[in-house]
C-alpha cells in the first residue's frame, strides 16, 4: 500500500471522511487484490493492469467514489452520476454504504481491465 495514500486518508480533517476513505480503500484492495494505488491530482487512484479502476475524492461535505470502465455495468438507479465510462457515488456523513454492492460493481467494471 502507498504511504502517500495512507497519509492523505489520515490527514483528512473530518473523522467520518477519514474512516469512510479507509473503508473504501480496504474494499478496493479486497475486491482487486493486485490493484496498485497512487496519489494523482491530489486524490487516491487505484489501477488494475495499469488502467484506472477507481478513485476516491473528498469535498467539504462528501466522499466521492468513482468506478472507471463502467460501460456495460448495471448501476442502481439514482445512486450514481456520470457518463457511461465512469460512475460516481457521493456519500455524505451518516449515509449507509453498501460495501458488498460497491465491491460487486467494481469487480464487474474491472474484470476487463
PDB file of N, CA and C in Angstrom:
ATOM      1  N   UNK A   1       0.834  -1.181   0.000  1.00  0.00           N
ATOM      2  CA  UNK A   1       0.000   0.000   0.000  1.00  0.00           C
ATOM      3  C   UNK A   1       0.882   1.249   0.000  1.00  0.00           C
ATOM      4  N   UNK A   2       0.394   2.278  -0.631  1.00  0.00           N
ATOM      5  CA  UNK A   2       1.136   3.504  -0.851  1.00  0.00           C
ATOM      6  C   UNK A   2       1.089   4.405   0.386  1.00  0.00           C
ATOM      7  N   UNK A   3       2.247   4.871   0.832  1.00  0.00           N
ATOM      8  CA  UNK A   3       2.321   5.733   2.021  1.00  0.00           C
ATOM      9  C   UNK A   3       1.652   7.088   1.788  1.00  0.00           C
ATOM     10  N   UNK A   4       1.713   7.610   0.567  1.00  0.00           N
ATOM     11  CA  UNK A   4       1.045   8.885   0.274  1.00  0.00           C
ATOM     12  C   UNK A   4      -0.466   8.758   0.403  1.00  0.00           C
ATOM     13  N   UNK A   5      -1.017   7.633  -0.036  1.00  0.00           N
ATOM     14  CA  UNK A   5      -2.458   7.408   0.091  1.00  0.00           C
ATOM     15  C   UNK A   5      -2.822   7.297   1.569  1.00  0.00           C
ATOM     16  N   UNK A   6      -2.023   6.559   2.312  1.00  0.00           N
ATOM     17  CA  UNK A   6      -2.249   6.418   3.755  1.00  0.00           C
ATOM     18  C   UNK A   6      -2.244   7.784   4.441  1.00  0.00           C
ATOM     19  N   UNK A   7      -1.250   8.618   4.123  1.00  0.00           N
ATOM     20  CA  UNK A   7      -1.141   9.949   4.717  1.00  0.00           C
ATOM     21  C   UNK A   7      -2.329  10.829   4.333  1.00  0.00           C
ATOM     22  N   UNK A   8      -2.752  10.750   3.069  1.00  0.00           N
ATOM     23  CA  UNK A   8      -3.913  11.518   2.627  1.00  0.00           C
ATOM     24  C   UNK A   8      -5.125  11.196   3.501  1.00  0.00           C
ATOM     25  N   UNK A   9      -5.383   9.915   3.704  1.00  0.00           N
ATOM     26  CA  UNK A   9      -6.554   9.480   4.473  1.00  0.00           C
ATOM     27  C   UNK A   9      -6.417   9.885   5.936  1.00  0.00           C
ATOM     28  N   UNK A  10      -5.238   9.686   6.499  1.00  0.00           N
ATOM     29  CA  UNK A  10      -5.026  10.022   7.913  1.00  0.00           C
ATOM     30  C   UNK A  10      -5.117  11.518   8.179  1.00  0.00           C
ATOM     31  N   UNK A  11      -4.803  12.348   7.185  1.00  0.00           N
ATOM     32  CA  UNK A  11      -4.780  13.796   7.380  1.00  0.00           C
ATOM     33  C   UNK A  11      -6.080  14.503   7.026  1.00  0.00           C
ATOM     34  N   UNK A  12      -7.106  13.754   6.663  1.00  0.00           N
ATOM     35  CA  UNK A  12      -8.397  14.402   6.407  1.00  0.00           C
ATOM     36  C   UNK A  12      -8.906  15.024   7.698  1.00  0.00           C
ATOM     37  N   UNK A  13      -9.488  16.221   7.597  1.00  0.00           N
ATOM     38  CA  UNK A  13      -9.912  16.941   8.799  1.00  0.00           C
ATOM     39  C   UNK A  13     -11.157  16.358   9.442  1.00  0.00           C
ATOM     40  N   UNK A  14     -12.043  15.798   8.635  1.00  0.00           N
ATOM     41  CA  UNK A  14     -13.276  15.243   9.170  1.00  0.00           C
ATOM     42  C   UNK A  14     -13.072  13.764   9.494  1.00  0.00           C
ATOM     43  N   UNK A  15     -13.214  13.371  10.760  1.00  0.00           N
ATOM     44  CA  UNK A  15     -13.008  11.965  11.127  1.00  0.00           C
ATOM     45  C   UNK A  15     -13.885  10.993  10.337  1.00  0.00           C
ATOM     46  N   UNK A  16     -15.124  11.382  10.044  1.00  0.00           N
ATOM     47  CA  UNK A  16     -16.004  10.467   9.306  1.00  0.00           C
ATOM     48  C   UNK A  16     -15.483  10.241   7.888  1.00  0.00           C
ATOM     49  N   UNK A  17     -14.880  11.290   7.289  1.00  0.00           N
ATOM     50  CA  UNK A  17     -14.322  11.127   5.946  1.00  0.00           C
ATOM     51  C   UNK A  17     -13.099  10.216   5.975  1.00  0.00           C
ATOM     52  N   UNK A  18     -12.265  10.372   6.981  1.00  0.00           N
ATOM     53  CA  UNK A  18     -11.089   9.519   7.116  1.00  0.00           C
ATOM     54  C   UNK A  18     -11.505   8.061   7.285  1.00  0.00           C
ATOM     55  N   UNK A  19     -12.480   7.816   8.133  1.00  0.00           N
ATOM     56  CA  UNK A  19     -12.966   6.450   8.355  1.00  0.00           C
ATOM     57  C   UNK A  19     -13.565   5.861   7.076  1.00  0.00           C
ATOM     58  N   UNK A  20     -14.386   6.634   6.386  1.00  0.00           N
ATOM     59  CA  UNK A  20     -15.020   6.155   5.164  1.00  0.00           C
ATOM     60  C   UNK A  20     -13.982   5.897   4.061  1.00  0.00           C
ATOM     61  N   UNK A  21     -13.032   6.798   3.899  1.00  0.00           N
ATOM     62  CA  UNK A  21     -11.991   6.603   2.879  1.00  0.00           C
ATOM     63  C   UNK A  21     -11.172   5.354   3.179  1.00  0.00           C
ATOM     64  N   UNK A  22     -10.889   5.127   4.442  1.00  0.00           N
ATOM     65  CA  UNK A  22     -10.151   3.927   4.827  1.00  0.00           C
ATOM     66  C   UNK A  22     -10.956   2.667   4.493  1.00  0.00           C
ATOM     67  N   UNK A  23     -12.256   2.691   4.777  1.00  0.00           N
ATOM     68  CA  UNK A  23     -13.132   1.561   4.429  1.00  0.00           C
ATOM     69  C   UNK A  23     -13.162   1.318   2.928  1.00  0.00           C
ATOM     70  N   UNK A  24     -13.289   2.394   2.156  1.00  0.00           N
ATOM     71  CA  UNK A  24     -13.332   2.260   0.699  1.00  0.00           C
ATOM     72  C   UNK A  24     -12.006   1.722   0.171  1.00  0.00           C
ATOM     73  N   UNK A  25     -10.915   2.211   0.708  1.00  0.00           N
ATOM     74  CA  UNK A  25      -9.590   1.727   0.294  1.00  0.00           C
ATOM     75  C   UNK A  25      -9.456   0.231   0.582  1.00  0.00           C
ATOM     76  N   UNK A  26      -9.849  -0.181   1.777  1.00  0.00           N
ATOM     77  CA  UNK A  26      -9.786  -1.606   2.130  1.00  0.00           C
ATOM     78  C   UNK A  26     -10.661  -2.442   1.208  1.00  0.00           C
ATOM     79  N   UNK A  27     -11.855  -1.927   0.892  1.00  0.00           N
ATOM     80  CA  UNK A  27     -12.771  -2.639  -0.007  1.00  0.00           C
ATOM     81  C   UNK A  27     -12.148  -2.813  -1.385  1.00  0.00           C
ATOM     82  N   UNK A  28     -11.493  -1.770  -1.901  1.00  0.00           N
ATOM     83  CA  UNK A  28     -10.851  -1.865  -3.210  1.00  0.00           C
ATOM     84  C   UNK A  28      -9.773  -2.952  -3.186  1.00  0.00           C
ATOM     85  N   UNK A  29      -8.972  -2.978  -2.142  1.00  0.00           N
ATOM     86  CA  UNK A  29      -7.897  -3.975  -2.057  1.00  0.00           C
ATOM     87  C   UNK A  29      -8.433  -5.393  -1.886  1.00  0.00           C
ATOM     88  N   UNK A  30      -9.535  -5.551  -1.180  1.00  0.00           N
ATOM     89  CA  UNK A  30     -10.161  -6.885  -1.064  1.00  0.00           C
ATOM     90  C   UNK A  30     -10.748  -7.325  -2.401  1.00  0.00           C
ATOM     91  N   UNK A  31     -11.340  -6.388  -3.113  1.00  0.00           N
ATOM     92  CA  UNK A  31     -12.011  -6.686  -4.376  1.00  0.00           C
ATOM     93  C   UNK A  31     -11.008  -6.972  -5.489  1.00  0.00           C
ATOM     94  N   UNK A  32      -9.955  -6.177  -5.528  1.00  0.00           N
ATOM     95  CA  UNK A  32      -8.940  -6.286  -6.583  1.00  0.00           C
ATOM     96  C   UNK A  32      -7.577  -6.485  -5.920  1.00  0.00           C
ATOM     97  N   UNK A  33      -7.249  -7.710  -5.534  1.00  0.00           N
ATOM     98  CA  UNK A  33      -6.026  -7.965  -4.768  1.00  0.00           C
ATOM     99  C   UNK A  33      -4.740  -7.477  -5.440  1.00  0.00           C
ATOM    100  N   UNK A  34      -4.705  -7.386  -6.757  1.00  0.00           N
ATOM    101  CA  UNK A  34      -3.496  -6.954  -7.464  1.00  0.00           C
ATOM    102  C   UNK A  34      -3.496  -5.458  -7.784  1.00  0.00           C
ATOM    103  N   UNK A  35      -4.459  -4.719  -7.236  1.00  0.00           N
ATOM    104  CA  UNK A  35      -4.579  -3.297  -7.548  1.00  0.00           C
ATOM    105  C   UNK A  35      -3.352  -2.540  -7.043  1.00  0.00           C
ATOM    106  N   UNK A  36      -2.982  -1.522  -7.806  1.00  0.00           N
ATOM    107  CA  UNK A  36      -1.912  -0.621  -7.398  1.00  0.00           C
ATOM    108  C   UNK A  36      -2.542   0.714  -7.083  1.00  0.00           C
ATOM    109  N   UNK A  37      -2.033   1.364  -6.048  1.00  0.00           N
ATOM    110  CA  UNK A  37      -2.594   2.658  -5.675  1.00  0.00           C
ATOM    111  C   UNK A  37      -1.513   3.725  -5.731  1.00  0.00           C
ATOM    112  N   UNK A  38      -1.957   4.940  -6.033  1.00  0.00           N
ATOM    113  CA  UNK A  38      -1.046   6.079  -6.059  1.00  0.00           C
ATOM    114  C   UNK A  38      -1.845   7.358  -5.903  1.00  0.00           C
ATOM    115  N   UNK A  39      -1.161   8.400  -5.469  1.00  0.00           N
ATOM    116  CA  UNK A  39      -1.773   9.718  -5.415  1.00  0.00           C
ATOM    117  C   UNK A  39      -1.575  10.369  -6.774  1.00  0.00           C
ATOM    118  N   UNK A  40      -2.663  10.887  -7.314  1.00  0.00           N
ATOM    119  CA  UNK A  40      -2.607  11.604  -8.579  1.00  0.00           C
ATOM    120  C   UNK A  40      -3.686  12.673  -8.525  1.00  0.00           C
ATOM    121  N   UNK A  41      -3.361  13.880  -8.928  1.00  0.00           N
ATOM    122  CA  UNK A  41      -4.297  15.008  -8.847  1.00  0.00           C
ATOM    123  C   UNK A  41      -4.811  15.188  -7.419  1.00  0.00           C
ATOM    124  N   UNK A  42      -3.949  14.898  -6.437  1.00  0.00           N
ATOM    125  CA  UNK A  42      -4.253  15.050  -5.007  1.00  0.00           C
ATOM    126  C   UNK A  42      -5.380  14.127  -4.538  1.00  0.00           C
ATOM    127  N   UNK A  43      -5.564  12.982  -5.221  1.00  0.00           N
ATOM    128  CA  UNK A  43      -6.598  12.014  -4.865  1.00  0.00           C
ATOM    129  C   UNK A  43      -6.022  10.601  -4.965  1.00  0.00           C
ATOM    130  N   UNK A  44      -6.478   9.684  -4.109  1.00  0.00           N
ATOM    131  CA  UNK A  44      -6.058   8.289  -4.248  1.00  0.00           C
ATOM    132  C   UNK A  44      -6.682   7.649  -5.495  1.00  0.00           C
ATOM    133  N   UNK A  45      -5.818   7.130  -6.350  1.00  0.00           N
ATOM    134  CA  UNK A  45      -6.243   6.421  -7.562  1.00  0.00           C
ATOM    135  C   UNK A  45      -5.831   4.962  -7.444  1.00  0.00           C
ATOM    136  N   UNK A  46      -6.668   4.088  -7.970  1.00  0.00           N
ATOM    137  CA  UNK A  46      -6.420   2.650  -7.925  1.00  0.00           C
ATOM    138  C   UNK A  46      -6.385   2.131  -9.356  1.00  0.00           C
ATOM    139  N   UNK A  47      -5.295   1.428  -9.688  1.00  0.00           N
ATOM    140  CA  UNK A  47      -5.090   0.951 -11.047  1.00  0.00           C
ATOM    141  C   UNK A  47      -5.010  -0.566 -11.091  1.00  0.00           C
ATOM    142  N   UNK A  48      -5.677  -1.121 -12.089  1.00  0.00           N
ATOM    143  CA  UNK A  48      -5.637  -2.561 -12.363  1.00  0.00           C
ATOM    144  C   UNK A  48      -4.986  -2.727 -13.728  1.00  0.00           C
ATOM    145  N   UNK A  49      -3.883  -3.448 -13.783  1.00  0.00           N
ATOM    146  CA  UNK A  49      -3.157  -3.639 -15.041  1.00  0.00           C
ATOM    147  C   UNK A  49      -2.797  -2.309 -15.703  1.00  0.00           C
ATOM    148  N   UNK A  50      -2.462  -1.314 -14.877  1.00  0.00           N
ATOM    149  CA  UNK A  50      -2.044  -0.017 -15.382  1.00  0.00           C
ATOM    150  C   UNK A  50      -3.162   0.902 -15.836  1.00  0.00           C
ATOM    151  N   UNK A  51      -4.404   0.469 -15.660  1.00  0.00           N
ATOM    152  CA  UNK A  51      -5.560   1.282 -16.079  1.00  0.00           C
ATOM    153  C   UNK A  51      -6.385   1.663 -14.857  1.00  0.00           C
ATOM    154  N   UNK A  52      -6.993   2.840 -14.917  1.00  0.00           N
ATOM    155  CA  UNK A  52      -7.796   3.314 -13.791  1.00  0.00           C
ATOM    156  C   UNK A  52      -8.951   2.372 -13.502  1.00  0.00           C
ATOM    157  N   UNK A  53      -9.081   1.988 -12.237  1.00  0.00           N
ATOM    158  CA  UNK A  53     -10.205   1.172 -11.794  1.00  0.00           C
ATOM    159  C   UNK A  53     -11.133   1.991 -10.899  1.00  0.00           C
ATOM    160  N   UNK A  54     -10.541   2.831 -10.022  1.00  0.00           N
ATOM    161  CA  UNK A  54     -11.354   3.614  -9.094  1.00  0.00           C
ATOM    162  C   UNK A  54     -10.552   4.797  -8.572  1.00  0.00           C
ATOM    163  N   UNK A  55     -11.267   5.770  -8.020  1.00  0.00           N
ATOM    164  CA  UNK A  55     -10.647   6.926  -7.375  1.00  0.00           C
ATOM    165  C   UNK A  55     -11.539   7.356  -6.212  1.00  0.00           C
ATOM    166  N   UNK A  56     -10.890   7.819  -5.164  1.00  0.00           N
ATOM    167  CA  UNK A  56     -11.587   8.384  -4.008  1.00  0.00           C
ATOM    168  C   UNK A  56     -11.273   9.872  -3.979  1.00  0.00           C
ATOM    169  N   UNK A  57     -12.295  10.687  -3.774  1.00  0.00           N
ATOM    170  CA  UNK A  57     -12.063  12.117  -3.611  1.00  0.00           C
ATOM    171  C   UNK A  57     -12.968  12.644  -2.512  1.00  0.00           C
ATOM    172  N   UNK A  58     -12.579  13.774  -1.952  1.00  0.00           N
ATOM    173  CA  UNK A  58     -13.364  14.370  -0.873  1.00  0.00           C
ATOM    174  C   UNK A  58     -13.709  15.806  -1.216  1.00  0.00           C
ATOM    175  N   UNK A  59     -14.821  16.242  -0.674  1.00  0.00           N
ATOM    176  CA  UNK A  59     -15.224  17.644  -0.758  1.00  0.00           C
ATOM    177  C   UNK A  59     -15.633  18.059   0.650  1.00  0.00           C
ATOM    178  N   UNK A  60     -16.111  19.247   0.793  1.00  0.00           N
ATOM    179  CA  UNK A  60     -16.463  19.770   2.110  1.00  0.00           C
ATOM    180  C   UNK A  60     -17.437  18.865   2.862  1.00  0.00           C
ATOM    181  N   UNK A  61     -18.426  18.313   2.148  1.00  0.00           N
ATOM    182  CA  UNK A  61     -19.475  17.555   2.846  1.00  0.00           C
ATOM    183  C   UNK A  61     -19.695  16.142   2.307  1.00  0.00           C
ATOM    184  N   UNK A  62     -18.748  15.630   1.503  1.00  0.00           N
ATOM    185  CA  UNK A  62     -18.967  14.309   0.910  1.00  0.00           C
ATOM    186  C   UNK A  62     -17.643  13.612   0.600  1.00  0.00           C
ATOM    187  N   UNK A  63     -17.760  12.300   0.436  1.00  0.00           N
ATOM    188  CA  UNK A  63     -16.686  11.483  -0.114  1.00  0.00           C
ATOM    189  C   UNK A  63     -17.232  10.901  -1.405  1.00  0.00           C
ATOM    190  N   UNK A  64     -16.497  11.055  -2.482  1.00  0.00           N
ATOM    191  CA  UNK A  64     -16.921  10.509  -3.770  1.00  0.00           C
ATOM    192  C   UNK A  64     -16.080   9.287  -4.099  1.00  0.00           C
ATOM    193  N   UNK A  65     -16.757   8.275  -4.641  1.00  0.00           N
ATOM    194  CA  UNK A  65     -16.076   7.059  -5.080  1.00  0.00           C
ATOM    195  C   UNK A  65     -16.453   6.845  -6.533  1.00  0.00           C
ATOM    196  N   UNK A  66     -15.455   6.878  -7.408  1.00  0.00           N
ATOM    197  CA  UNK A  66     -15.680   6.738  -8.849  1.00  0.00           C
ATOM    198  C   UNK A  66     -15.168   5.389  -9.320  1.00  0.00           C
ATOM    199  N   UNK A  67     -15.995   4.710 -10.095  1.00  0.00           N
ATOM    200  CA  UNK A  67     -15.631   3.441 -10.717  1.00  0.00           C
ATOM    201  C   UNK A  67     -15.456   3.698 -12.209  1.00  0.00           C
ATOM    202  N   UNK A  68     -14.273   3.340 -12.719  1.00  0.00           N
ATOM    203  CA  UNK A  68     -13.970   3.523 -14.147  1.00  0.00           C
ATOM    204  C   UNK A  68     -14.307   2.253 -14.919  1.00  0.00           C
ATOM    205  N   UNK A  69     -14.289   2.368 -16.249  1.00  0.00           N
ATOM    206  CA  UNK A  69     -14.576   1.234 -17.138  1.00  0.00           C
ATOM    207  C   UNK A  69     -15.994   0.721 -16.877  1.00  0.00           C
ATOM    208  N   UNK A  70     -16.898   1.650 -16.633  1.00  0.00           N
ATOM    209  CA  UNK A  70     -18.240   1.311 -16.152  1.00  0.00           C
ATOM    210  C   UNK A  70     -19.245   1.010 -17.261  1.00  0.00           C
ATOM    211  N   UNK A  71     -18.893   1.236 -18.512  1.00  0.00           N
ATOM    212  CA  UNK A  71     -19.826   0.942 -19.609  1.00  0.00           C
ATOM    213  C   UNK A  71     -20.205  -0.529 -19.555  1.00  0.00           C
ATOM    214  N   UNK A  72     -21.466  -0.804 -19.658  1.00  0.00           N
ATOM    215  CA  UNK A  72     -21.931  -2.186 -19.659  1.00  0.00           C
ATOM    216  C   UNK A  72     -22.239  -2.733 -18.274  1.00  0.00           C
ATOM    217  N   UNK A  73     -21.918  -1.971 -17.218  1.00  0.00           N
ATOM    218  CA  UNK A  73     -22.234  -2.398 -15.857  1.00  0.00           C
ATOM    219  C   UNK A  73     -23.580  -1.789 -15.480  1.00  0.00           C
ATOM    220  N   UNK A  74     -24.435  -2.578 -14.873  1.00  0.00           N
ATOM    221  CA  UNK A  74     -25.777  -2.122 -14.495  1.00  0.00           C
ATOM    222  C   UNK A  74     -25.726  -1.499 -13.105  1.00  0.00           C
ATOM    223  N   UNK A  75     -25.683  -0.174 -13.045  1.00  0.00           N
ATOM    224  CA  UNK A  75     -25.626   0.551 -11.781  1.00  0.00           C
ATOM    225  C   UNK A  75     -27.029   0.838 -11.255  1.00  0.00           C
ATOM    226  N   UNK A  76     -27.222   0.834  -9.935  1.00  0.00           N
ATOM    227  CA  UNK A  76     -28.537   1.139  -9.361  1.00  0.00           C
ATOM    228  C   UNK A  76     -28.987   2.552  -9.740  1.00  0.00           C
ATOM    229  N   UNK A  77     -30.247   2.689 -10.054  1.00  0.00           N
ATOM    230  CA  UNK A  77     -30.794   3.994 -10.426  1.00  0.00           C
ATOM    231  C   UNK A  77     -30.718   4.971  -9.259  1.00  0.00           C
ATOM    232  N   UNK A  78     -30.334   6.206  -9.573  1.00  0.00           N
ATOM    233  CA  UNK A  78     -30.384   7.284  -8.598  1.00  0.00           C
ATOM    234  C   UNK A  78     -29.200   7.398  -7.650  1.00  0.00           C
ATOM    235  N   UNK A  79     -28.312   6.412  -7.610  1.00  0.00           N
ATOM    236  CA  UNK A  79     -27.187   6.478  -6.672  1.00  0.00           C
ATOM    237  C   UNK A  79     -25.912   7.011  -7.306  1.00  0.00           C
ATOM    238  N   UNK A  80     -25.749   6.799  -8.601  1.00  0.00           N
ATOM    239  CA  UNK A  80     -24.514   7.139  -9.295  1.00  0.00           C
ATOM    240  C   UNK A  80     -24.767   8.182 -10.373  1.00  0.00           C
ATOM    241  N   UNK A  81     -23.780   9.045 -10.568  1.00  0.00           N
ATOM    242  CA  UNK A  81     -23.814  10.058 -11.617  1.00  0.00           C
ATOM    243  C   UNK A  81     -22.617   9.857 -12.529  1.00  0.00           C
ATOM    244  N   UNK A  82     -22.676  10.465 -13.694  1.00  0.00           N
ATOM    245  CA  UNK A  82     -21.532  10.468 -14.599  1.00  0.00           C
ATOM    246  C   UNK A  82     -21.824   9.796 -15.919  1.00  0.00           C
ATOM    247  N   UNK A  83     -20.878   9.936 -16.841  1.00  0.00           N
ATOM    248  CA  UNK A  83     -21.026   9.336 -18.169  1.00  0.00           C
ATOM    249  C   UNK A  83     -20.899   7.817 -18.090  1.00  0.00           C
ATOM    250  N   UNK A  84     -21.268   7.117 -19.155  1.00  0.00           N
ATOM    251  CA  UNK A  84     -21.246   5.647 -19.129  1.00  0.00           C
ATOM    252  C   UNK A  84     -19.898   5.042 -18.754  1.00  0.00           C
ATOM    253  N   UNK A  85     -18.796   5.704 -19.114  1.00  0.00           N
ATOM    254  CA  UNK A  85     -17.482   5.097 -18.866  1.00  0.00           C
ATOM    255  C   UNK A  85     -16.983   5.241 -17.426  1.00  0.00           C
ATOM    256  N   UNK A  86     -17.613   6.120 -16.630  1.00  0.00           N
ATOM    257  CA  UNK A  86     -17.243   6.236 -15.219  1.00  0.00           C
ATOM    258  C   UNK A  86     -18.447   6.719 -14.411  1.00  0.00           C
ATOM    259  N   UNK A  87     -18.652   6.067 -13.306  1.00  0.00           N
ATOM    260  CA  UNK A  87     -19.797   6.388 -12.454  1.00  0.00           C
ATOM    261  C   UNK A  87     -19.321   6.749 -11.053  1.00  0.00           C
ATOM    262  N   UNK A  88     -19.936   7.775 -10.483  1.00  0.00           N
ATOM    263  CA  UNK A  88     -19.528   8.291  -9.176  1.00  0.00           C
ATOM    264  C   UNK A  88     -20.704   8.293  -8.218  1.00  0.00           C
ATOM    265  N   UNK A  89     -20.431   7.824  -6.993  1.00  0.00           N
ATOM    266  CA  UNK A  89     -21.396   7.930  -5.910  1.00  0.00           C
ATOM    267  C   UNK A  89     -20.839   8.930  -4.905  1.00  0.00           C
ATOM    268  N   UNK A  90     -21.676   9.860  -4.458  1.00  0.00           N
ATOM    269  CA  UNK A  90     -21.290  10.823  -3.419  1.00  0.00           C
ATOM    270  C   UNK A  90     -21.918  10.363  -2.117  1.00  0.00           C
ATOM    271  N   UNK A  91     -21.064  10.171  -1.124  1.00  0.00           N
ATOM    272  CA  UNK A  91     -21.507   9.660   0.164  1.00  0.00           C
ATOM    273  C   UNK A  91     -21.340  10.767   1.204  1.00  0.00           C
ATOM    274  N   UNK A  92     -22.416  11.043   1.931  1.00  0.00           N
ATOM    275  CA  UNK A  92     -22.383  12.099   2.943  1.00  0.00           C
ATOM    276  C   UNK A  92     -22.350  11.494   4.346  1.00  0.00           C
ATOM    277  N   UNK A  93     -21.998  12.314   5.297  1.00  0.00           N
ATOM    278  CA  UNK A  93     -21.885  11.883   6.688  1.00  0.00           C
ATOM    279  C   UNK A  93     -23.163  11.200   7.159  1.00  0.00           C
ATOM    280  N   UNK A  94     -23.023   9.999   7.696  1.00  0.00           N
ATOM    281  CA  UNK A  94     -24.161   9.257   8.218  1.00  0.00           C
ATOM    282  C   UNK A  94     -24.881   8.399   7.198  1.00  0.00           C
ATOM    283  N   UNK A  95     -24.561   8.553   5.941  1.00  0.00           N
ATOM    284  CA  UNK A  95     -25.209   7.773   4.880  1.00  0.00           C
ATOM    285  C   UNK A  95     -24.684   6.340   4.914  1.00  0.00           C
ATOM    286  N   UNK A  96     -25.590   5.389   4.821  1.00  0.00           N
ATOM    287  CA  UNK A  96     -25.198   3.978   4.795  1.00  0.00           C
ATOM    288  C   UNK A  96     -24.461   3.676   3.489  1.00  0.00           C
ATOM    289  N   UNK A  97     -23.452   2.818   3.592  1.00  0.00           N
ATOM    290  CA  UNK A  97     -22.666   2.424   2.428  1.00  0.00           C
ATOM    291  C   UNK A  97     -22.745   0.910   2.284  1.00  0.00           C
ATOM    292  N   UNK A  98     -23.137   0.471   1.108  1.00  0.00           N
ATOM    293  CA  UNK A  98     -23.217  -0.962   0.808  1.00  0.00           C
ATOM    294  C   UNK A  98     -21.862  -1.407   0.256  1.00  0.00           C
ATOM    295  N   UNK A  99     -20.960  -1.791   1.164  1.00  0.00           N
ATOM    296  CA  UNK A  99     -19.613  -2.205   0.752  1.00  0.00           C
ATOM    297  C   UNK A  99     -19.659  -3.360  -0.243  1.00  0.00           C
ATOM    298  N   UNK A 100     -20.506  -4.334   0.020  1.00  0.00           N
ATOM    299  CA  UNK A 100     -20.590  -5.506  -0.856  1.00  0.00           C
ATOM    300  C   UNK A 100     -21.126  -5.128  -2.231  1.00  0.00           C
ATOM    301  N   UNK A 101     -22.105  -4.227  -2.259  1.00  0.00           N
ATOM    302  CA  UNK A 101     -22.649  -3.765  -3.533  1.00  0.00           C
ATOM    303  C   UNK A 101     -21.606  -3.005  -4.344  1.00  0.00           C
ATOM    304  N   UNK A 102     -20.861  -2.098  -3.669  1.00  0.00           N
ATOM    305  CA  UNK A 102     -19.796  -1.367  -4.360  1.00  0.00           C
ATOM    306  C   UNK A 102     -18.719  -2.323  -4.851  1.00  0.00           C
ATOM    307  N   UNK A 103     -18.389  -3.304  -4.021  1.00  0.00           N
ATOM    308  CA  UNK A 103     -17.383  -4.288  -4.398  1.00  0.00           C
ATOM    309  C   UNK A 103     -17.801  -5.054  -5.647  1.00  0.00           C
ATOM    310  N   UNK A 104     -19.054  -5.458  -5.703  1.00  0.00           N
ATOM    311  CA  UNK A 104     -19.554  -6.208  -6.864  1.00  0.00           C
ATOM    312  C   UNK A 104     -19.493  -5.354  -8.131  1.00  0.00           C
ATOM    313  N   UNK A 105     -19.875  -4.079  -8.028  1.00  0.00           N
ATOM    314  CA  UNK A 105     -19.825  -3.185  -9.192  1.00  0.00           C
ATOM    315  C   UNK A 105     -18.382  -2.970  -9.647  1.00  0.00           C
ATOM    316  N   UNK A 106     -17.482  -2.749  -8.683  1.00  0.00           N
ATOM    317  CA  UNK A 106     -16.079  -2.545  -9.011  1.00  0.00           C
ATOM    318  C   UNK A 106     -15.482  -3.796  -9.653  1.00  0.00           C
ATOM    319  N   UNK A 107     -15.789  -4.947  -9.108  1.00  0.00           N
ATOM    320  CA  UNK A 107     -15.273  -6.208  -9.651  1.00  0.00           C
ATOM    321  C   UNK A 107     -15.722  -6.381 -11.102  1.00  0.00           C
ATOM    322  N   UNK A 108     -16.999  -6.109 -11.351  1.00  0.00           N
ATOM    323  CA  UNK A 108     -17.533  -6.257 -12.699  1.00  0.00           C
ATOM    324  C   UNK A 108     -16.870  -5.258 -13.657  1.00  0.00           C
ATOM    325  N   UNK A 109     -16.732  -4.006 -13.239  1.00  0.00           N
ATOM    326  CA  UNK A 109     -16.139  -2.980 -14.106  1.00  0.00           C
ATOM    327  C   UNK A 109     -14.668  -3.285 -14.391  1.00  0.00           C
ATOM    328  N   UNK A 110     -13.950  -3.788 -13.395  1.00  0.00           N
ATOM    329  CA  UNK A 110     -12.512  -4.024 -13.545  1.00  0.00           C
ATOM    330  C   UNK A 110     -12.198  -5.361 -14.205  1.00  0.00           C
ATOM    331  N   UNK A 111     -13.203  -6.174 -14.418  1.00  0.00           N
ATOM    332  CA  UNK A 111     -12.952  -7.526 -14.954  1.00  0.00           C
ATOM    333  C   UNK A 111     -12.330  -7.515 -16.350  1.00  0.00           C
ATOM    334  N   UNK A 112     -12.551  -6.426 -17.103  1.00  0.00           N
ATOM    335  CA  UNK A 112     -11.989  -6.377 -18.448  1.00  0.00           C
ATOM    336  C   UNK A 112     -10.765  -5.472 -18.547  1.00  0.00           C
ATOM    337  N   UNK A 113     -10.230  -5.052 -17.403  1.00  0.00           N
ATOM    338  CA  UNK A 113      -9.018  -4.208 -17.413  1.00  0.00           C
ATOM    339  C   UNK A 113      -7.779  -5.077 -17.515  1.00  0.00           C
TER     340      UNK A 113
END
